[in-house]
Structures are given as structure tokens and as C-alpha cells.
Amino acid sequence: MRRPVLSFLLLLLASGCALGPNYKRPSVTVMDAFRGQSQAEAASLADQPWWGVFDDEILKTLIAQGLEHNYDVRTAIWRVEEYRARAGIERTDWLPQITPTAMWARGRQSSYATGGGTTGAYYDVHAALSWELDLWGRIRRLNEGARAQYLGAQEQRRGVYLSTVAQVAQAYFELRELDSRLEITRATVAAFQETYDLFNRRLKGGTASALETARAEAALATASAYVPNLERQIQAQENLLSFLVGRNPGPIPRGANLAGQTLAPRIPAGLPSTLLERRPDLRAAEQDLVAANAAVGVAVASYFPTLSLTGLLGGLAPQVANLFGPGKEWLVSPSLTGPSLQGLRLKYQKEARVAQWEQVKTRYEATVTSAFGEVSTALTAYEKLAEVEQRQARAVAAYREAVRLATLRYTTGLSSYVEVLDAQQQLFPAENTLSQIRLTRLLTMVQLYKALGGGWKLDDPRLMEPKDGK
């Protein structure tokens, strides 16, 4: 009898099907080219590793430290381990569940009982087996959903890697921009100090007016007030960078200055259709869809009966040696359990799962559309900001020439030093504006790298740039 029963069970398992809809990626409207992209191209900035995008060696070191020690990265790594273990728990549903029990008892029956009046000890050892045969794919759908959650956690981890790269780069560029503004401010303070000293000497000599001297002093004090404020911001930015790389607050080394940071004349964005395969948040959102789809299959399978195989093997005997001899006992019992009569409960459970899938599908479509918008916005910004920086650089050059000419006119006696002071006061904010525009361009490049799913080809985004050609 054993062989036919086993063959029958294997046939049931082989013929079982997973109920519910099989996953299919929802169709989304994909543009032929990103808005702001001159023409569609296969190459993309996202194909490069992060160490190929940034040239500053100090920045590369900081990013590598962040990818190793950042608190969000470490949390994401353990979240992946959690969902890997959860998927393992679901996989155990495929296997029989065996529960061993052992008991020893000593007692005496009542003398009125049949065979009573004696005292004795008994050994009881049993192993109970329970195994659900997955006829309708309920367990397969549960495994499918758990695996999707695990893969989604992996994509979320890659998203945290990419966010960490962007956060460290952004914080570093902001620090270098503060350094640049501090350098501009100190140079301006030195120029205003020279002007004030000159006016003050001439005032004491009776050749300068008190008005000119007061204006020079006010300009000096106004510019000087920026210095401690910038120093405060620089220390706060260093503390932020220290946190991002997972260490206590402290000074941050510097690499190239703001103007020395590399900016490509144009950035290839790749094809919009490939963005779905590159961005970790889109890939994670699709895994959420897979899990929600599997949950619908579980709800559908609940309509059908469950076939289980239960068994018992063990023995009951007064001596241990007899447990698996004369005292041996066993039991095999297949059972078919139909869904409980719960009115419309199962129907509403399925409808709830379908509604959840539709919600996840809508979020996925929204995430895709938002991603296209982020790339398009960053592409246009990167192109336009290059023009803004070029024109602002011309303005700064013109203001510097104005300072030179005003100084020349003053030294030749053609004008008062007030013209020099006015020219200097116009140059100071123009230089600061140019520095801020340069920062915005750098941050736009970082945002574009992130929006494109940068470094998506890396097996491990934490890998540092190879040294010495290795």
C-alpha cells in the first residue's frame, strides 16, 4: 500500500497549480527621450561608478568611509538580513513539521479499575508529523511574496548606498562653497580695512571727510560680520559630514577648491526605458508589486480545501528497550479540510488584497512618472546653470575691472575714493553669487547621478576605486 499512496501524493503535488494572477509588470508610458535631452542616447552617467564621477580624492575617501560606516547603510544591511531570514521562514512551509515528545510517568491505578492495584512506570516517546500538500499554490504564493520582500530590501539597500554617496558629496561641496565664501569675505575685509585705514589717516591729516571715513568703517564692519557667521556654518557642516561618514564630530580635510571641482560640459542621461532597470527605488517598488500580487493568490487559494498529511511514530512501554518493539505504534492520516464557513469573509479578504495591489500599482506608476520628472528637471537645470555661471563670471570680471579703474582714477586724482568703495561693495556680493551658482551646478550633477540610478552595474557599490591598476 505504501508505494501507491506515495505515488498518489507525488502526483497531487506535481499537478498542483498556484492560483491567482501571475505577476506581469504594469504598462507605463515611457518617453522616447527625457525632456531637456537633445536626443536619445544609450550611454548614461549612471553607468559610471561613483569614483569615476568625482575627481576629488578627499571626497572619494569620505564617500568610501560613508558607505562603510554610515548608520543608514548599516541599518539597511541588517534589514536585508531580516528579510532573508523571513523568506527562509516561509520556505520551511514546504517541509514536514516534526514535533518530538518524550515523557516518563510513574503511578498507581485504582484497585477498582481493570488491572488496577499495581504501581508502575511508563516511558512514552512519540514524533508527530504534519505536512500541508500545496495543491492550490498557497505556500508557493507565500514564498513568492516573501522572496519579493527580500529582493525589495536588497534594492532599498542599494538605494541607501546611492543616497549616501549623494549626501556625502552634497555636504562636501557645500563645505567647499562655505570655504570659498569665507575666502572671498576675508579678501573683501582686507580691502575694506585698507580703505578705512587710508581714510582714517587722511581724516586725521585733514584731507578726508568724516562722511567718507564713516562709510568706509561701516563697509568694513558689515563685511567683517560675515566672517564669524561663516566660521560657525563651516564647523556645523564639518559636524554633518562627520555624522554621514559615521564618526564623531571633528575637522574635515579638504581637496580641490570649489572652482577646481570637475564639471562635464554635458551629461548623457541614457534611454528613459532603461531607467526602470537602473533606479533602486523603482526596482524596489516593483518588488512590492510582486508581493502584493502574491497576496492576491494566497487569498484565492483560501477558497479551496487544504490537504494535509499527519503521522505519528513512537512507543509506550514500561521499559525503554520495548519502546520500538512490542510497544511501537504508528499512524498515518491524510486529511482534507475545507474552508470554514465564514459568510462573505473570504470574498472580502480577496477584495481587500486586490484593492491593496491596485494601491501598490498606483504608487509604482507615480514613482516611475516622478523619476522621469526628476531626471528631466536636473538635465534642464544642469544645462541652464552653465549659462548662468558663464554670465555671472562675466559680471564678476566686469566688477573687478570696475574696482581697478576706480582705483586708477582715484590715484590720478580724477575721482574720490568713494567710487572705489562703491565698486568694492558691488564686487563682494557678485563673487558670492558666482560661488553659490557653482555650488548649485555641482549639486545638480549629484542629483542627476542619483536620479539616473548611478552605479547600478556595481555588484557592491561600496567598492573603492582600484589602485595601481589593480
Protein backbone atom coordinates (compact mmCIF):
# COMPACT_ATOMS: atom_id res chain seq x y z
CA MET A 1 0.00 0.00 0.00
CA ARG A 2 2.87 2.38 0.69
CA ARG A 3 4.03 2.69 -2.90
CA PRO A 4 0.60 3.55 -4.40
CA VAL A 5 -0.10 6.07 -1.62
CA LEU A 6 3.28 7.74 -2.12
CA SER A 7 2.77 7.85 -5.89
CA PHE A 8 -0.66 9.40 -5.40
CA LEU A 9 0.73 12.12 -3.13
CA LEU A 10 3.56 12.93 -5.56
CA LEU A 11 1.03 13.15 -8.38
CA LEU A 12 -1.05 15.61 -6.40
CA LEU A 13 1.99 17.77 -5.71
CA ALA A 14 3.10 17.73 -9.33
CA SER A 15 -0.32 18.62 -10.66
CA GLY A 16 -0.90 21.41 -8.14
CA CYS A 17 -1.18 24.87 -9.58
CA ALA A 18 -0.65 28.28 -8.00
CA LEU A 19 -3.99 30.04 -8.01
CA GLY A 20 -4.38 33.74 -8.50
CA PRO A 21 -2.92 36.05 -11.17
CA ASN A 22 0.67 35.57 -12.28
CA TYR A 23 2.71 38.76 -11.98
CA LYS A 24 3.09 40.96 -15.02
CA ARG A 25 4.71 44.37 -14.92
CA PRO A 26 2.07 47.09 -15.42
CA SER A 27 2.42 49.08 -18.58
CA VAL A 28 3.63 52.63 -18.06
CA THR A 29 4.01 55.41 -20.58
CA VAL A 30 7.71 55.75 -21.36
CA MET A 31 9.04 58.76 -23.24
CA ASP A 32 11.34 58.33 -26.21
CA ALA A 33 13.75 60.82 -24.65
CA PHE A 34 13.88 62.79 -21.43
CA ARG A 35 12.61 66.33 -21.57
CA GLY A 36 15.72 68.51 -21.69
CA GLN A 37 17.63 65.79 -23.57
CA SER A 38 18.74 66.92 -27.01
CA GLN A 39 18.48 63.39 -28.39
CA ALA A 40 18.02 59.87 -27.06
CA GLU A 41 21.28 58.07 -26.33
CA ALA A 42 22.15 54.70 -24.85
CA ALA A 43 25.12 55.94 -22.77
CA SER A 44 24.31 57.24 -19.30
CA LEU A 45 26.12 58.90 -16.42
CA ALA A 46 24.61 56.14 -14.27
CA ASP A 47 26.87 53.58 -15.99
CA GLN A 48 29.88 55.05 -14.23
CA PRO A 49 30.89 54.08 -10.68
CA TRP A 50 30.78 56.90 -8.18
CA TRP A 51 34.57 57.15 -8.08
CA GLY A 52 34.52 57.83 -11.82
CA VAL A 53 32.13 60.75 -11.39
CA PHE A 54 34.03 62.65 -8.68
CA ASP A 55 37.72 63.58 -9.15
CA ASP A 56 38.42 64.94 -5.66
CA GLU A 57 40.48 62.34 -3.79
CA ILE A 58 39.37 63.62 -0.38
CA LEU A 59 35.73 63.33 -1.45
CA LYS A 60 36.31 59.77 -2.67
CA THR A 61 37.77 58.84 0.70
CA LEU A 62 34.84 60.39 2.54
CA ILE A 63 32.31 58.55 0.35
CA ALA A 64 34.11 55.24 0.92
CA GLN A 65 34.01 55.85 4.68
CA GLY A 66 30.33 56.73 4.50
CA LEU A 67 29.47 53.55 2.58
CA GLU A 68 31.29 51.54 5.22
CA HIS A 69 30.20 53.25 8.44
CA ASN A 70 27.10 55.34 7.72
CA TYR A 71 24.31 54.48 10.15
CA ASP A 72 21.62 54.26 7.47
CA VAL A 73 23.82 51.90 5.43
CA ARG A 74 24.39 49.63 8.41
CA THR A 75 20.67 49.61 9.19
CA ALA A 76 19.83 48.76 5.57
CA ILE A 77 22.29 45.86 5.58
CA TRP A 78 20.64 44.33 8.63
CA ARG A 79 17.20 44.94 7.13
CA VAL A 80 18.23 42.76 4.19
CA GLU A 81 19.30 40.06 6.63
CA GLU A 82 15.94 40.31 8.35
CA TYR A 83 14.01 39.76 5.14
CA ARG A 84 16.37 36.99 4.07
CA ALA A 85 15.51 35.20 7.32
CA ARG A 86 11.79 35.91 6.82
CA ALA A 87 11.96 34.34 3.35
CA GLY A 88 13.69 31.34 4.93
CA ILE A 89 10.83 31.01 7.42
CA GLU A 90 8.31 30.91 4.59
CA ARG A 91 10.35 28.29 2.74
CA THR A 92 10.06 25.93 5.71
CA ASP A 93 6.33 25.61 4.96
CA TRP A 94 7.34 23.29 2.13
CA LEU A 95 8.79 20.81 4.64
CA PRO A 96 7.06 18.49 7.06
CA GLN A 97 6.78 19.81 10.59
CA ILE A 98 8.00 17.18 13.06
CA THR A 99 7.30 17.55 16.78
CA PRO A 100 9.09 15.06 19.06
CA THR A 101 7.81 14.41 22.61
CA ALA A 102 9.15 12.25 25.40
CA MET A 103 7.56 11.56 28.77
CA TRP A 104 8.15 9.36 31.79
CA ALA A 105 5.40 8.69 34.32
CA ARG A 106 5.02 6.57 37.42
CA GLY A 107 1.69 5.93 39.12
CA ARG A 108 -0.86 3.54 40.51
CA GLN A 109 -4.33 2.85 39.24
CA SER A 110 -7.35 2.41 41.43
CA SER A 111 -7.94 -1.13 42.61
CA TYR A 112 -11.45 -0.87 41.13
CA ALA A 113 -10.05 -0.39 37.62
CA THR A 114 -9.43 -3.31 35.35
CA GLY A 115 -5.95 -4.49 36.03
CA GLY A 116 -5.62 -1.86 38.74
CA GLY A 117 -3.98 -2.06 42.08
CA THR A 118 -0.49 -2.12 40.62
CA THR A 119 2.23 0.51 40.65
CA GLY A 120 4.40 1.05 37.61
CA ALA A 121 6.42 3.39 35.44
CA TYR A 122 5.85 4.05 31.75
CA TYR A 123 8.02 5.56 29.03
CA ASP A 124 6.29 7.43 26.22
CA VAL A 125 8.26 8.65 23.13
CA HIS A 126 6.49 9.94 20.03
CA ALA A 127 7.24 12.02 16.94
CA ALA A 128 4.27 13.75 15.35
CA LEU A 129 4.42 14.81 11.70
CA SER A 130 2.30 17.43 9.94
CA TRP A 131 2.70 18.29 6.25
CA GLU A 132 0.46 20.51 4.14
CA LEU A 133 0.43 19.49 0.47
CA ASP A 134 0.40 22.64 -1.62
CA LEU A 135 -2.32 21.71 -4.11
CA TRP A 136 -3.53 25.22 -4.87
CA GLY A 137 -0.26 27.13 -4.57
CA ARG A 138 -0.96 28.87 -1.26
CA ILE A 139 2.51 28.08 0.06
CA ARG A 140 4.08 28.91 -3.31
CA ARG A 141 2.41 32.32 -3.26
CA LEU A 142 3.57 32.93 0.32
CA ASN A 143 7.12 32.05 -0.74
CA GLU A 144 6.79 34.29 -3.79
CA GLY A 145 5.72 37.22 -1.63
CA ALA A 146 8.49 36.67 0.94
CA ARG A 147 11.12 36.43 -1.80
CA ALA A 148 9.84 39.67 -3.36
CA GLN A 149 10.12 41.42 0.01
CA TYR A 150 13.68 40.13 0.36
CA LEU A 151 14.63 41.34 -3.13
CA GLY A 152 12.92 44.66 -2.40
CA ALA A 153 15.03 45.05 0.75
CA GLN A 154 18.15 44.47 -1.36
CA GLU A 155 17.07 47.22 -3.76
CA GLN A 156 16.33 49.52 -0.83
CA ARG A 157 19.84 48.86 0.44
CA ARG A 158 21.25 49.88 -2.95
CA GLY A 159 19.08 52.98 -2.73
CA VAL A 160 20.61 53.79 0.66
CA TYR A 161 24.09 53.33 -0.86
CA LEU A 162 23.24 55.78 -3.63
CA SER A 163 21.66 58.26 -1.20
CA THR A 164 24.76 58.09 0.98
CA VAL A 165 27.00 58.85 -2.00
CA ALA A 166 24.79 61.83 -2.86
CA GLN A 167 24.53 63.08 0.72
CA VAL A 168 28.28 62.96 1.34
CA ALA A 169 29.05 64.63 -1.99
CA GLN A 170 26.45 67.33 -1.39
CA ALA A 171 27.68 68.03 2.14
CA TYR A 172 31.29 68.19 0.93
CA PHE A 173 30.52 70.59 -1.92
CA GLU A 174 28.50 72.76 0.46
CA LEU A 175 31.51 72.81 2.80
CA ARG A 176 33.83 73.88 -0.03
CA GLU A 177 31.34 76.58 -1.02
CA LEU A 178 31.41 77.93 2.55
CA ASP A 179 35.21 77.85 2.38
CA SER A 180 35.05 79.82 -0.86
CA ARG A 181 32.72 82.43 0.62
CA LEU A 182 34.95 82.73 3.68
CA GLU A 183 37.96 83.29 1.43
CA ILE A 184 36.06 85.95 -0.56
CA THR A 185 34.88 87.61 2.65
CA ARG A 186 38.34 87.74 4.17
CA ALA A 187 39.77 89.25 0.98
CA THR A 188 36.96 91.82 0.99
CA VAL A 189 37.56 92.62 4.68
CA ALA A 190 41.26 93.15 3.94
CA ALA A 191 40.37 95.54 1.09
CA PHE A 192 37.85 97.45 3.26
CA GLN A 193 40.37 97.56 6.12
CA GLU A 194 42.92 99.16 3.79
CA THR A 195 40.32 101.69 2.66
CA TYR A 196 39.31 102.54 6.20
CA ASP A 197 42.93 102.92 7.35
CA LEU A 198 43.59 105.25 4.43
CA PHE A 199 40.52 107.39 5.13
CA ASN A 200 41.26 107.46 8.83
CA ARG A 201 44.82 108.66 8.25
CA ARG A 202 43.62 111.30 5.82
CA LEU A 203 40.87 112.37 8.22
CA LYS A 204 43.44 112.91 10.95
CA GLY A 205 45.53 114.86 8.46
CA GLY A 206 42.52 116.97 7.48
CA THR A 207 42.37 115.84 3.87
CA ALA A 208 39.38 113.45 4.10
CA SER A 209 35.81 113.98 5.18
CA ALA A 210 34.22 112.30 8.17
CA LEU A 211 31.46 111.02 5.84
CA GLU A 212 33.92 109.10 3.69
CA THR A 213 35.58 107.65 6.79
CA ALA A 214 32.23 106.63 8.32
CA ARG A 215 31.14 104.89 5.13
CA ALA A 216 34.45 103.03 4.95
CA GLU A 217 34.10 101.94 8.57
CA ALA A 218 30.51 100.76 8.00
CA ALA A 219 31.56 98.73 4.96
CA LEU A 220 34.41 97.18 6.95
CA ALA A 221 32.14 96.26 9.88
CA THR A 222 29.45 94.80 7.59
CA ALA A 223 31.93 92.59 5.76
CA SER A 224 33.68 91.57 8.99
CA ALA A 225 30.38 90.37 10.49
CA TYR A 226 30.20 87.66 7.83
CA VAL A 227 33.44 86.00 9.00
CA PRO A 228 32.36 84.52 12.37
CA ASN A 229 28.99 83.55 10.90
CA LEU A 230 30.67 81.64 8.07
CA GLU A 231 33.09 80.02 10.53
CA ARG A 232 30.07 78.85 12.55
CA GLN A 233 28.44 77.37 9.44
CA ILE A 234 31.68 75.67 8.41
CA GLN A 235 32.01 73.91 11.76
CA ALA A 236 28.36 72.80 11.61
CA GLN A 237 28.92 71.45 8.08
CA GLU A 238 32.02 69.55 9.22
CA ASN A 239 29.98 68.01 12.03
CA LEU A 240 27.31 66.96 9.50
CA LEU A 241 29.93 65.33 7.28
CA SER A 242 31.41 63.54 10.28
CA PHE A 243 27.99 62.11 11.08
CA LEU A 244 27.42 61.00 7.48
CA VAL A 245 30.69 59.03 7.50
CA GLY A 246 29.84 57.51 10.88
CA ARG A 247 32.33 59.20 13.20
CA ASN A 248 32.37 61.76 15.99
CA PRO A 249 32.44 65.49 15.14
CA GLY A 250 35.81 66.73 14.01
CA PRO A 251 37.66 68.64 11.29
CA ILE A 252 37.30 67.52 7.69
CA PRO A 253 40.29 67.52 5.30
CA ARG A 254 39.96 69.50 2.08
CA GLY A 255 40.72 68.65 -1.51
CA ALA A 256 40.23 70.82 -4.59
CA ASN A 257 38.53 74.16 -4.11
CA LEU A 258 35.06 74.81 -5.45
CA ALA A 259 36.26 76.14 -8.80
CA GLY A 260 38.58 73.14 -9.17
CA GLN A 261 35.80 70.53 -8.99
CA THR A 262 35.23 68.81 -12.32
CA LEU A 263 32.03 69.52 -14.24
CA ALA A 264 31.39 67.89 -17.59
CA PRO A 265 30.07 70.20 -20.35
CA ARG A 266 27.11 67.85 -20.80
CA ILE A 267 25.78 64.74 -19.09
CA PRO A 268 24.45 61.70 -21.02
CA ALA A 269 21.17 60.56 -19.49
CA GLY A 270 20.58 57.27 -21.32
CA LEU A 271 17.23 55.94 -22.51
CA PRO A 272 14.12 56.52 -20.37
CA SER A 273 13.11 52.87 -20.78
CA THR A 274 16.27 51.68 -19.04
CA LEU A 275 15.59 53.88 -16.03
CA LEU A 276 13.15 51.23 -14.79
CA GLU A 277 16.04 48.76 -14.59
CA ARG A 278 18.57 51.18 -13.04
CA ARG A 279 16.91 53.10 -10.24
CA PRO A 280 16.82 51.10 -7.00
CA ASP A 281 13.63 52.78 -5.77
CA LEU A 282 11.78 51.74 -8.96
CA ARG A 283 13.10 48.19 -8.67
CA ALA A 284 12.05 48.07 -5.02
CA ALA A 285 8.61 49.42 -5.90
CA GLU A 286 8.20 46.65 -8.47
CA GLN A 287 9.07 44.02 -5.86
CA ASP A 288 6.30 45.50 -3.70
CA LEU A 289 4.01 44.85 -6.66
CA VAL A 290 5.17 41.23 -6.88
CA ALA A 291 4.49 40.73 -3.17
CA ALA A 292 1.04 42.32 -3.41
CA ASN A 293 0.23 40.14 -6.42
CA ALA A 294 1.26 37.03 -4.48
CA ALA A 295 -1.01 38.08 -1.61
CA VAL A 296 -3.95 38.02 -4.03
CA GLY A 297 -3.03 34.43 -4.94
CA VAL A 298 -2.99 33.47 -1.24
CA ALA A 299 -6.49 34.94 -0.85
CA VAL A 300 -7.75 32.99 -3.88
CA ALA A 301 -6.25 29.74 -2.56
CA SER A 302 -8.19 30.24 0.70
CA TYR A 303 -11.38 29.34 -1.20
CA PHE A 304 -10.18 25.75 -1.64
CA PRO A 305 -9.68 22.89 0.80
CA THR A 306 -6.34 22.08 2.37
CA LEU A 307 -4.84 18.60 2.02
CA SER A 308 -2.62 17.69 4.96
CA LEU A 309 -0.74 14.56 5.91
CA THR A 310 -0.35 13.80 9.59
CA GLY A 311 1.58 10.95 11.13
CA LEU A 312 2.62 9.56 14.46
CA LEU A 313 5.50 7.25 15.29
CA GLY A 314 6.56 6.21 18.76
CA GLY A 315 6.01 3.81 21.57
CA LEU A 316 4.59 3.34 25.05
CA ALA A 317 6.18 0.72 27.26
CA PRO A 318 7.27 0.09 30.84
CA GLN A 319 10.84 -0.46 29.62
CA VAL A 320 12.92 1.73 27.27
CA ALA A 321 14.02 -1.38 25.36
CA ASN A 322 10.42 -2.17 24.45
CA LEU A 323 9.51 1.29 23.08
CA PHE A 324 10.15 0.32 19.47
CA GLY A 325 9.44 -3.34 19.88
CA PRO A 326 6.14 -4.63 21.23
CA GLY A 327 5.31 -1.10 22.42
CA LYS A 328 5.76 0.51 18.98
CA GLU A 329 2.84 2.35 17.43
CA TRP A 330 2.37 4.45 14.27
CA LEU A 331 -0.35 6.32 12.47
CA VAL A 332 -0.68 7.90 9.00
CA SER A 333 -3.72 10.06 8.34
CA PRO A 334 -4.26 12.25 5.26
CA SER A 335 -6.97 14.84 5.81
CA LEU A 336 -8.84 17.25 3.55
CA THR A 337 -10.01 20.40 5.32
CA GLY A 338 -12.41 22.68 3.52
CA PRO A 339 -12.54 26.44 4.05
CA SER A 340 -14.50 27.38 7.11
CA LEU A 341 -18.00 28.75 6.59
CA GLN A 342 -17.48 32.42 7.36
CA GLY A 343 -20.17 34.01 5.32
CA LEU A 344 -18.63 36.52 2.93
CA ARG A 345 -15.36 36.83 4.87
CA LEU A 346 -13.19 35.08 2.27
CA LYS A 347 -14.74 37.15 -0.51
CA TYR A 348 -13.98 40.41 1.28
CA GLN A 349 -10.47 39.25 2.14
CA LYS A 350 -9.78 38.70 -1.55
CA GLU A 351 -11.28 42.08 -2.47
CA ALA A 352 -9.08 43.75 0.16
CA ARG A 353 -5.97 42.11 -1.32
CA VAL A 354 -6.95 43.18 -4.83
CA ALA A 355 -7.50 46.76 -3.60
CA GLN A 356 -4.07 46.70 -1.91
CA TRP A 357 -2.49 45.53 -5.17
CA GLU A 358 -4.17 48.39 -7.04
CA GLN A 359 -2.80 50.85 -4.47
CA VAL A 360 0.73 49.48 -4.84
CA LYS A 361 0.34 49.57 -8.63
CA THR A 362 -0.71 53.24 -8.48
CA ARG A 363 2.27 54.07 -6.25
CA TYR A 364 4.57 52.28 -8.70
CA GLU A 365 3.21 54.30 -11.64
CA ALA A 366 3.56 57.50 -9.63
CA THR A 367 7.16 56.63 -8.71
CA VAL A 368 8.02 56.00 -12.36
CA THR A 369 6.45 59.28 -13.50
CA SER A 370 8.18 61.17 -10.70
CA ALA A 371 11.52 59.61 -11.66
CA PHE A 372 11.16 60.80 -15.26
CA GLY A 373 10.39 64.29 -13.94
CA GLU A 374 13.41 64.31 -11.62
CA VAL A 375 15.77 63.41 -14.45
CA SER A 376 14.23 65.95 -16.84
CA THR A 377 14.37 68.74 -14.24
CA ALA A 378 18.00 68.00 -13.39
CA LEU A 379 19.03 67.81 -17.05
CA THR A 380 17.50 71.19 -17.84
CA ALA A 381 18.92 72.74 -14.67
CA TYR A 382 22.42 71.46 -15.43
CA GLU A 383 22.34 72.94 -18.92
CA LYS A 384 20.85 76.30 -17.92
CA LEU A 385 23.05 76.75 -14.86
CA ALA A 386 26.11 76.51 -17.10
CA GLU A 387 24.84 79.59 -18.93
CA VAL A 388 24.04 81.33 -15.64
CA GLU A 389 27.54 80.66 -14.30
CA GLN A 390 29.14 81.91 -17.51
CA ARG A 391 27.21 85.17 -17.41
CA GLN A 392 27.78 85.67 -13.69
CA ALA A 393 31.51 85.13 -14.24
CA ARG A 394 31.41 87.94 -16.81
CA ALA A 395 29.69 90.16 -14.25
CA VAL A 396 32.37 89.40 -11.65
CA ALA A 397 35.12 90.13 -14.17
CA ALA A 398 33.41 93.44 -15.01
CA TYR A 399 33.15 94.40 -11.32
CA ARG A 400 36.82 93.58 -10.79
CA GLU A 401 37.70 95.77 -13.74
CA ALA A 402 35.50 98.50 -12.25
CA VAL A 403 37.46 98.31 -8.98
CA ARG A 404 40.73 98.54 -10.89
CA LEU A 405 39.59 101.54 -12.94
CA ALA A 406 38.11 103.32 -9.90
CA THR A 407 41.38 102.80 -8.03
CA LEU A 408 43.33 104.15 -11.03
CA ARG A 409 41.07 107.21 -11.26
CA TYR A 410 41.49 107.85 -7.55
CA THR A 411 45.29 107.61 -7.69
CA THR A 412 45.39 110.06 -10.61
CA GLY A 413 43.09 112.46 -8.79
CA LEU A 414 40.19 112.14 -11.21
CA SER A 415 37.67 110.89 -8.59
CA SER A 416 37.18 110.40 -4.91
CA TYR A 417 37.76 107.11 -3.14
CA VAL A 418 34.01 106.75 -2.74
CA GLU A 419 33.93 105.35 -6.29
CA VAL A 420 36.44 102.68 -5.23
CA LEU A 421 34.37 101.87 -2.17
CA ASP A 422 31.18 101.57 -4.22
CA ALA A 423 32.89 99.28 -6.73
CA GLN A 424 34.21 97.06 -3.95
CA GLN A 425 30.78 96.82 -2.35
CA GLN A 426 29.28 95.64 -5.67
CA LEU A 427 32.07 93.10 -6.26
CA PHE A 428 31.60 91.35 -2.90
CA PRO A 429 28.01 90.05 -3.45
CA ALA A 430 28.75 89.28 -7.11
CA GLU A 431 31.61 86.97 -6.12
CA ASN A 432 29.43 85.27 -3.51
CA THR A 433 26.68 84.77 -6.08
CA LEU A 434 29.15 83.18 -8.50
CA SER A 435 30.27 80.81 -5.75
CA GLN A 436 26.68 79.81 -5.00
CA ILE A 437 25.93 79.20 -8.69
CA ARG A 438 28.97 76.95 -8.93
CA LEU A 439 27.71 75.02 -5.90
CA THR A 440 24.25 74.67 -7.44
CA ARG A 441 25.77 73.20 -10.61
CA LEU A 442 27.74 70.66 -8.60
CA LEU A 443 24.67 69.71 -6.57
CA THR A 444 22.65 69.36 -9.77
CA MET A 445 25.24 66.91 -11.09
CA VAL A 446 24.94 64.92 -7.84
CA GLN A 447 21.13 64.96 -8.07
CA LEU A 448 21.27 63.82 -11.68
CA TYR A 449 23.61 60.94 -10.83
CA LYS A 450 21.19 59.86 -8.11
CA ALA A 451 18.09 60.36 -10.27
CA LEU A 452 19.60 58.18 -13.01
CA GLY A 453 20.36 55.35 -10.56
CA GLY A 454 24.12 55.86 -10.62
CA GLY A 455 26.44 52.91 -10.15
CA TRP A 456 23.72 50.38 -10.92
CA LYS A 457 26.20 47.99 -12.56
CA LEU A 458 28.26 47.60 -9.40
CA ASP A 459 27.92 44.29 -7.58
CA ASP A 460 28.90 46.08 -4.39
CA PRO A 461 28.64 49.89 -4.52
CA ARG A 462 30.95 50.14 -1.51
CA LEU A 463 33.95 49.01 -3.58
CA MET A 464 36.62 51.70 -3.64
CA GLU A 465 38.44 52.80 -6.78
CA PRO A 466 41.14 50.25 -7.70
CA LYS A 467 44.68 51.45 -7.04
CA ASP A 468 47.80 50.95 -9.15
CA GLY A 469 45.80 49.48 -11.99
CA LYS A 470 44.63 46.52 -9.89
